[in-house]
Amino acid sequence: MSILYKMLRPALFRIDPETAHGLAIKALRFGLIPRVAVPDDAVLRTTLCGLDFAHPVGLAAGFDKHAEAMGPLFDLGFSFIELGGVTPLPQPGNPRPRLFRVPSAQAVINRFGFNSVGADVFAQRLETYHAAHRQSHQVVGINLAKNKETADAADDYVKGVAAFAGKAAFLTVNVSSPNTPGLRDMQGRAALADLLDRVMKVRARVEQQGGGHTPVFLKIAPDIDDMQAQDIAEVALASGIDAMIVGNTTVSRPASIPADMARETGGLSGKPLFTLSTEKLGLMYRLTGGKIPLIGCGGISSGADAYAKIRAGASLVQLYTAMIYEGPDVVRSIVAELAVLLKRDGFSTVADAVGADFKKEAAA
């Protein structure tokens, strides 16, 4: 944590969390947060789905929901960012308050419910940004979501792919948020198979029309049981998707969450999520036999955390909550520590370390 953020954090934490988040977005947009220099080390460079990354640490969806601060977020050191979730139609999301800090556990609970400016406004902002950065190779992904009132949930994801395929580095089909009624039911075997079949067909149609190839990722919840995980793995392998993100926030409430906060509904993120999300990441790596690239998300706040995700099967990692508690220079510290850990254990690339824990078990 930088000295400046250490000084500012007490004042920020006296502000309503959602208001503070809005101020952070504005500060990024107006260049009020200094650029962060992240280590450039060959051991960190990696490639996934045809995309090149200077290092494996990216920003998870949910921070820049409305595509407002893309360039400044890269200035914080992220090698890729995921915008959204974005819904086809604008919607306000759930009533406030809907974001809660849990400082004693370095956690956050949210129940935003996919508040979104909608696909049209989002696409305009994305187009404006790309027009000004045509020579850059920044990896900008989009998290696709459904409107609360849509009866045919798969139709909203089809609309999202149709709207953004060819306009982003990757698209994420998010069926893992706990804050939209019935959304996680889309993780069931039959519903997921139908959803991914429709999504992949519309992506193929866009490609045939000259829209270019856009990798499709699937984001799943950390709260799935072993049987659900098996179903998801089998459907994912058969679907042709390019990668999976494991996972989203959790509806569980570990003992580290104070009772008054544990009663708040919504998804929990931050440090208490690390163990659960990493266990599910490792499970999905084993169930897919490492045949589908995985992105580890949940509870990362240090280089050691990122390294543990990679050894459990992640090719890339994402964070969000750690910025709230550690400040905007957290990416630099994570990347620097990760490089040291990779070299310590004799890995020459990130890819060599992916799934190392399970490869070691298999060799024993």
Protein backbone atom coordinates (compact mmCIF):
# COMPACT_ATOMS: atom_id res chain seq x y z
CA MET A 1 0.00 0.00 0.00
CA SER A 2 1.40 3.40 -0.96
CA ILE A 3 1.90 6.01 1.73
CA LEU A 4 -0.56 8.33 -0.05
CA TYR A 5 -3.33 5.73 -0.15
CA LYS A 6 -2.65 4.80 3.47
CA MET A 7 -3.30 8.43 4.37
CA LEU A 8 -6.41 8.74 2.19
CA ARG A 9 -8.10 5.46 3.01
CA PRO A 10 -9.61 6.43 6.40
CA ALA A 11 -11.36 9.40 4.78
CA LEU A 12 -12.55 7.29 1.83
CA PHE A 13 -13.91 4.65 4.19
CA ARG A 14 -16.08 7.27 5.89
CA ILE A 15 -17.89 7.74 2.56
CA ASP A 16 -20.70 5.45 1.42
CA PRO A 17 -18.98 2.63 -0.55
CA GLU A 18 -20.89 3.15 -3.80
CA THR A 19 -20.30 6.91 -3.67
CA ALA A 20 -16.60 6.28 -3.03
CA HIS A 21 -16.50 3.95 -6.01
CA GLY A 22 -18.05 6.62 -8.21
CA LEU A 23 -15.42 9.10 -7.01
CA ALA A 24 -12.68 6.60 -7.87
CA ILE A 25 -14.01 6.27 -11.42
CA LYS A 26 -14.09 10.07 -11.77
CA ALA A 27 -10.56 10.37 -10.37
CA LEU A 28 -9.34 7.87 -12.95
CA ARG A 29 -11.14 9.64 -15.80
CA PHE A 30 -9.65 13.02 -14.89
CA GLY A 31 -6.12 11.71 -14.41
CA LEU A 32 -6.01 12.29 -10.66
CA ILE A 33 -4.50 8.86 -9.91
CA PRO A 34 -0.80 8.60 -10.85
CA ARG A 35 0.37 6.07 -13.42
CA VAL A 36 1.82 2.91 -11.87
CA ALA A 37 5.03 1.39 -13.25
CA VAL A 38 4.71 -2.39 -13.34
CA PRO A 39 7.77 -4.67 -13.73
CA ASP A 40 8.44 -5.77 -17.31
CA ASP A 41 9.88 -9.26 -16.97
CA ALA A 42 10.02 -11.99 -19.61
CA VAL A 43 9.01 -14.63 -17.06
CA LEU A 44 5.61 -12.95 -16.74
CA ARG A 45 4.69 -12.77 -20.42
CA THR A 46 2.03 -15.16 -21.54
CA THR A 47 -0.39 -15.88 -24.36
CA LEU A 48 -3.98 -17.09 -24.11
CA CYS A 49 -6.56 -17.59 -26.85
CA GLY A 50 -4.29 -15.79 -29.30
CA LEU A 51 -4.01 -12.75 -27.02
CA ASP A 52 -0.67 -11.53 -25.65
CA PHE A 53 -0.30 -10.39 -22.04
CA ALA A 54 2.68 -8.59 -20.50
CA HIS A 55 1.82 -10.37 -17.26
CA PRO A 56 -1.14 -12.46 -16.06
CA VAL A 57 -2.86 -9.95 -13.75
CA GLY A 58 -6.09 -8.35 -14.97
CA LEU A 59 -9.04 -6.40 -13.63
CA ALA A 60 -12.22 -8.36 -12.91
CA ALA A 61 -15.62 -7.29 -14.16
CA GLY A 62 -17.68 -5.06 -11.89
CA PHE A 63 -15.24 -2.21 -11.36
CA ASP A 64 -15.84 -0.36 -14.63
CA LYS A 65 -19.42 -1.42 -15.27
CA HIS A 66 -20.19 1.32 -17.77
CA ALA A 67 -16.97 1.55 -19.85
CA GLU A 68 -15.94 4.90 -18.38
CA ALA A 69 -12.27 4.56 -17.43
CA MET A 70 -10.58 2.10 -19.79
CA GLY A 71 -7.31 3.92 -20.49
CA PRO A 72 -6.65 5.03 -16.91
CA LEU A 73 -7.23 1.46 -15.69
CA PHE A 74 -4.40 0.25 -17.90
CA ASP A 75 -2.29 3.01 -16.35
CA LEU A 76 -2.68 1.20 -13.02
CA GLY A 77 -0.69 -1.68 -14.49
CA PHE A 78 -3.33 -4.22 -15.48
CA SER A 79 -2.43 -6.30 -18.52
CA PHE A 80 -6.11 -6.71 -19.37
CA ILE A 81 -9.43 -5.42 -18.13
CA GLU A 82 -12.94 -6.82 -18.20
CA LEU A 83 -15.72 -4.25 -18.49
CA GLY A 84 -19.35 -4.64 -17.44
CA GLY A 85 -21.49 -6.57 -16.87
CA VAL A 86 -23.53 -4.98 -19.56
CA THR A 87 -27.16 -5.84 -20.23
CA PRO A 88 -28.92 -5.40 -23.59
CA LEU A 89 -31.29 -2.77 -22.18
CA PRO A 90 -30.50 -0.13 -19.55
CA GLN A 91 -31.56 -1.03 -16.02
CA PRO A 92 -31.01 0.56 -12.60
CA GLY A 93 -30.14 -2.60 -10.70
CA ASN A 94 -31.19 -3.20 -7.11
CA PRO A 95 -32.07 -0.40 -4.64
CA ARG A 96 -29.32 1.26 -2.60
CA PRO A 97 -27.58 0.56 -0.33
CA ARG A 98 -26.17 -2.37 -2.28
CA LEU A 99 -22.43 -2.25 -1.56
CA PHE A 100 -20.93 -2.95 1.87
CA ARG A 101 -17.34 -2.96 3.09
CA VAL A 102 -16.22 -5.54 5.65
CA PRO A 103 -12.86 -4.05 6.72
CA SER A 104 -12.14 -6.58 9.46
CA ALA A 105 -12.09 -9.33 6.80
CA GLN A 106 -10.85 -7.19 3.89
CA ALA A 107 -14.03 -8.17 2.08
CA VAL A 108 -16.95 -6.59 0.25
CA ILE A 109 -20.59 -7.62 -0.14
CA ASN A 110 -22.50 -6.37 -3.16
CA ARG A 111 -25.98 -6.84 -4.54
CA PHE A 112 -25.89 -4.43 -7.48
CA GLY A 113 -28.09 -6.60 -9.70
CA PHE A 114 -26.44 -5.67 -13.01
CA ASN A 115 -27.00 -1.91 -13.00
CA SER A 116 -26.14 -1.04 -16.59
CA VAL A 117 -26.26 1.78 -19.12
CA GLY A 118 -27.31 -0.81 -21.70
CA ALA A 119 -25.61 -2.14 -24.81
CA ASP A 120 -26.13 0.91 -27.04
CA VAL A 121 -24.45 3.46 -24.76
CA PHE A 122 -21.77 0.93 -23.79
CA ALA A 123 -20.98 0.22 -27.46
CA GLN A 124 -20.69 3.93 -28.24
CA ARG A 125 -18.18 4.43 -25.43
CA LEU A 126 -16.20 1.39 -26.53
CA GLU A 127 -16.10 2.59 -30.14
CA THR A 128 -14.92 6.04 -29.07
CA TYR A 129 -12.16 4.51 -26.98
CA HIS A 130 -10.98 2.15 -29.72
CA ALA A 131 -10.97 4.98 -32.26
CA ALA A 132 -8.50 6.86 -30.06
CA HIS A 133 -6.32 3.79 -29.38
CA ARG A 134 -6.17 2.03 -32.75
CA GLN A 135 -2.43 1.43 -32.52
CA SER A 136 -2.54 -0.04 -29.03
CA HIS A 137 -2.79 -3.72 -28.25
CA GLN A 138 -4.70 -3.37 -25.02
CA VAL A 139 -6.80 -6.40 -24.12
CA VAL A 140 -10.32 -5.19 -23.31
CA GLY A 141 -12.93 -7.85 -22.58
CA ILE A 142 -16.66 -7.45 -21.98
CA ASN A 143 -18.76 -9.23 -19.38
CA LEU A 144 -22.22 -10.00 -20.78
CA ALA A 145 -25.26 -10.09 -18.50
CA LYS A 146 -29.04 -10.42 -18.72
CA ASN A 147 -31.80 -7.99 -17.93
CA LYS A 148 -33.74 -8.84 -14.80
CA GLU A 149 -37.12 -9.03 -16.55
CA THR A 150 -36.00 -11.10 -19.56
CA ALA A 151 -37.83 -14.44 -19.57
CA ASP A 152 -35.52 -16.15 -22.08
CA ALA A 153 -32.18 -15.49 -20.44
CA ALA A 154 -30.19 -17.07 -23.25
CA ASP A 155 -31.65 -14.53 -25.67
CA ASP A 156 -29.97 -11.67 -23.80
CA TYR A 157 -26.57 -13.35 -24.09
CA VAL A 158 -27.16 -13.95 -27.79
CA LYS A 159 -27.92 -10.23 -28.14
CA GLY A 160 -24.76 -9.40 -26.22
CA VAL A 161 -22.57 -11.53 -28.44
CA ALA A 162 -24.21 -10.11 -31.57
CA ALA A 163 -23.60 -6.57 -30.30
CA PHE A 164 -19.98 -6.96 -29.20
CA ALA A 165 -18.35 -9.82 -31.12
CA GLY A 166 -15.48 -8.35 -33.10
CA LYS A 167 -15.43 -5.25 -30.90
CA ALA A 168 -13.68 -6.71 -27.84
CA ALA A 169 -10.70 -8.94 -27.16
CA PHE A 170 -13.00 -11.47 -25.48
CA LEU A 171 -16.59 -11.84 -24.33
CA THR A 172 -17.60 -13.41 -21.01
CA VAL A 173 -20.92 -15.18 -20.60
CA ASN A 174 -21.67 -14.46 -16.95
CA VAL A 175 -24.14 -16.93 -15.44
CA SER A 176 -22.66 -16.70 -11.96
CA SER A 177 -23.91 -13.52 -10.30
CA PRO A 178 -26.02 -14.24 -7.21
CA ASN A 179 -27.87 -10.93 -7.50
CA THR A 180 -30.21 -11.63 -10.43
CA PRO A 181 -33.01 -14.08 -9.58
CA GLY A 182 -32.64 -17.41 -11.38
CA LEU A 183 -29.37 -16.51 -13.10
CA ARG A 184 -27.30 -19.23 -11.47
CA ASP A 185 -29.87 -21.79 -12.65
CA MET A 186 -28.26 -21.25 -16.06
CA GLN A 187 -25.31 -23.28 -14.74
CA GLY A 188 -27.46 -26.42 -14.84
CA ARG A 189 -26.46 -28.98 -17.46
CA ALA A 190 -29.36 -28.63 -19.91
CA ALA A 191 -29.73 -24.85 -19.59
CA LEU A 192 -25.99 -24.28 -19.95
CA ALA A 193 -25.71 -26.57 -22.98
CA ASP A 194 -28.54 -24.70 -24.70
CA LEU A 195 -27.11 -21.31 -23.79
CA LEU A 196 -23.60 -22.05 -25.03
CA ASP A 197 -24.90 -23.67 -28.21
CA ARG A 198 -26.84 -20.50 -29.06
CA VAL A 199 -23.96 -18.23 -28.09
CA MET A 200 -21.44 -20.12 -30.21
CA LYS A 201 -23.78 -20.14 -33.19
CA VAL A 202 -24.20 -16.37 -33.12
CA ARG A 203 -20.43 -15.91 -32.73
CA ALA A 204 -19.90 -18.11 -35.80
CA ARG A 205 -22.44 -16.04 -37.73
CA VAL A 206 -20.63 -12.80 -36.84
CA GLU A 207 -17.34 -14.34 -37.96
CA GLN A 208 -18.84 -15.45 -41.26
CA GLN A 209 -20.01 -11.88 -41.82
CA GLY A 210 -16.45 -10.64 -41.44
CA GLY A 211 -16.62 -9.59 -37.80
CA GLY A 212 -13.42 -11.39 -36.82
CA HIS A 213 -12.84 -14.06 -34.19
CA THR A 214 -13.73 -13.21 -30.60
CA PRO A 215 -12.89 -15.70 -27.83
CA VAL A 216 -15.85 -16.61 -25.61
CA PHE A 217 -15.31 -17.19 -21.88
CA LEU A 218 -17.74 -18.68 -19.37
CA LYS A 219 -17.85 -17.29 -15.82
CA ILE A 220 -19.08 -19.69 -13.13
CA ALA A 221 -19.81 -19.39 -9.42
CA PRO A 222 -17.55 -20.71 -6.64
CA ASP A 223 -20.60 -22.12 -4.84
CA ILE A 224 -21.16 -25.07 -7.19
CA ASP A 225 -20.94 -28.58 -5.76
CA ASP A 226 -18.91 -31.43 -7.24
CA MET A 227 -21.78 -32.76 -9.34
CA GLN A 228 -22.53 -29.34 -10.77
CA ALA A 229 -18.84 -28.86 -11.50
CA GLN A 230 -18.76 -32.15 -13.38
CA ASP A 231 -21.75 -31.13 -15.49
CA ILE A 232 -20.26 -27.71 -16.24
CA ALA A 233 -16.92 -29.24 -17.21
CA GLU A 234 -18.52 -31.71 -19.61
CA VAL A 235 -20.76 -29.09 -21.21
CA ALA A 236 -17.88 -26.63 -21.51
CA LEU A 237 -15.62 -29.21 -23.17
CA ALA A 238 -18.33 -30.06 -25.69
CA SER A 239 -19.31 -26.46 -26.41
CA GLY A 240 -16.14 -25.12 -27.95
CA ILE A 241 -15.81 -22.14 -25.58
CA ASP A 242 -12.32 -20.71 -25.33
CA ALA A 243 -11.82 -20.33 -21.55
CA MET A 244 -13.54 -20.25 -18.17
CA ILE A 245 -13.40 -17.77 -15.31
CA VAL A 246 -13.55 -19.36 -11.84
CA GLY A 247 -15.30 -17.72 -10.18
CA ASN A 248 -17.63 -14.95 -9.12
CA THR A 249 -18.65 -13.81 -5.62
CA THR A 250 -19.98 -16.29 -3.05
CA VAL A 251 -23.27 -16.39 -1.15
CA SER A 252 -21.55 -18.25 1.69
CA ARG A 253 -20.51 -16.35 4.81
CA PRO A 254 -17.24 -17.57 6.37
CA ALA A 255 -16.71 -17.16 10.10
CA SER A 256 -14.50 -14.12 9.48
CA ILE A 257 -17.56 -12.08 8.44
CA PRO A 258 -19.16 -10.28 11.44
CA ALA A 259 -22.75 -11.29 12.17
CA ASP A 260 -24.27 -7.93 11.24
CA MET A 261 -22.58 -8.03 7.84
CA ALA A 262 -23.27 -11.73 7.30
CA ARG A 263 -26.99 -10.92 7.32
CA GLU A 264 -26.63 -8.69 4.25
CA THR A 265 -27.69 -10.49 1.08
CA GLY A 266 -25.48 -10.45 -1.98
CA GLY A 267 -22.16 -11.78 -3.18
CA LEU A 268 -19.08 -11.75 -0.98
CA SER A 269 -15.67 -10.93 -2.47
CA GLY A 270 -12.22 -10.30 -1.06
CA LYS A 271 -9.85 -12.32 1.10
CA PRO A 272 -12.44 -14.72 2.60
CA LEU A 273 -13.27 -15.92 -0.93
CA PHE A 274 -9.71 -16.99 -1.76
CA THR A 275 -9.73 -20.56 -0.43
CA LEU A 276 -13.14 -21.50 -1.82
CA SER A 277 -12.51 -20.01 -5.25
CA THR A 278 -9.06 -21.62 -5.50
CA GLU A 279 -10.44 -25.02 -4.54
CA LYS A 280 -13.10 -24.76 -7.28
CA LEU A 281 -10.46 -23.57 -9.74
CA GLY A 282 -8.36 -26.65 -9.03
CA LEU A 283 -11.42 -28.88 -9.30
CA MET A 284 -12.31 -27.44 -12.70
CA TYR A 285 -8.71 -27.85 -13.88
CA ARG A 286 -8.82 -31.54 -12.99
CA LEU A 287 -12.29 -32.10 -14.44
CA THR A 288 -11.35 -30.51 -17.77
CA GLY A 289 -7.94 -32.15 -17.85
CA GLY A 290 -6.39 -28.75 -18.46
CA LYS A 291 -8.00 -28.69 -21.92
CA ILE A 292 -9.83 -25.39 -21.33
CA PRO A 293 -7.76 -22.40 -20.18
CA LEU A 294 -8.87 -21.05 -16.81
CA ILE A 295 -8.80 -17.56 -15.32
CA GLY A 296 -8.59 -17.49 -11.54
CA CYS A 297 -10.66 -14.85 -9.77
CA GLY A 298 -11.50 -14.43 -6.10
CA GLY A 299 -9.60 -13.13 -3.10
CA ILE A 300 -6.28 -12.24 -4.73
CA SER A 301 -4.38 -9.55 -2.86
CA SER A 302 -0.72 -10.62 -3.16
CA GLY A 303 1.72 -12.21 -5.54
CA ALA A 304 1.54 -15.38 -3.47
CA ASP A 305 -2.23 -15.49 -4.00
CA ALA A 306 -1.82 -15.05 -7.75
CA TYR A 307 0.86 -17.73 -7.81
CA ALA A 308 -1.38 -20.16 -5.90
CA LYS A 309 -4.13 -19.63 -8.49
CA ILE A 310 -1.67 -20.31 -11.31
CA ARG A 311 -0.36 -23.47 -9.67
CA ALA A 312 -3.99 -24.57 -9.20
CA GLY A 313 -4.64 -24.25 -12.93
CA ALA A 314 -5.11 -20.58 -13.84
CA SER A 315 -3.39 -19.15 -16.92
CA LEU A 316 -4.47 -15.62 -15.95
CA VAL A 317 -5.85 -14.05 -12.77
CA GLN A 318 -8.21 -11.18 -12.01
CA LEU A 319 -8.74 -8.96 -8.98
CA TYR A 320 -10.96 -6.09 -7.87
CA THR A 321 -11.58 -5.97 -4.10
CA ALA A 322 -7.86 -5.80 -3.28
CA MET A 323 -7.74 -2.31 -4.81
CA ILE A 324 -10.24 -1.11 -2.20
CA TYR A 325 -8.02 -2.19 0.67
CA GLU A 326 -4.51 -1.95 -0.82
CA GLY A 327 -4.89 0.98 -3.19
CA PRO A 328 -4.14 1.54 -6.87
CA ASP A 329 -0.53 0.30 -6.72
CA VAL A 330 -1.57 -3.22 -5.71
CA VAL A 331 -1.01 -4.53 -9.25
CA ARG A 332 2.64 -3.48 -9.16
CA SER A 333 3.30 -5.30 -5.89
CA ILE A 334 1.47 -8.45 -7.04
CA VAL A 335 3.31 -8.59 -10.36
CA ALA A 336 6.70 -7.99 -8.76
CA GLU A 337 6.17 -10.71 -6.14
CA LEU A 338 4.82 -13.14 -8.72
CA ALA A 339 7.96 -12.79 -10.85
CA VAL A 340 10.12 -13.59 -7.85
CA LEU A 341 8.06 -16.70 -6.99
CA LEU A 342 8.11 -18.05 -10.53
CA LYS A 343 11.89 -17.70 -10.74
CA ARG A 344 12.38 -19.13 -7.25
CA ASP A 345 10.69 -22.34 -8.30
CA GLY A 346 12.51 -22.63 -11.60
CA PHE A 347 9.72 -21.67 -13.99
CA SER A 348 10.77 -19.78 -17.10
CA THR A 349 7.19 -18.81 -18.06
CA VAL A 350 3.77 -18.50 -16.47
CA ALA A 351 2.53 -21.28 -18.72
CA ASP A 352 5.08 -23.69 -17.21
CA ALA A 353 3.60 -23.09 -13.75
CA VAL A 354 -0.06 -23.55 -14.73
CA GLY A 355 -1.47 -26.54 -12.85
CA ALA A 356 1.89 -27.30 -11.28
CA ASP A 357 0.34 -28.55 -8.05
CA PHE A 358 -1.62 -31.24 -9.89
CA LYS A 359 1.22 -32.16 -12.20
CA LYS A 360 3.34 -32.71 -9.10
CA GLU A 361 0.64 -34.93 -7.58
CA ALA A 362 0.38 -36.98 -10.78
CA ALA A 363 4.14 -37.51 -10.86
CA ALA A 364 4.32 -38.57 -7.21
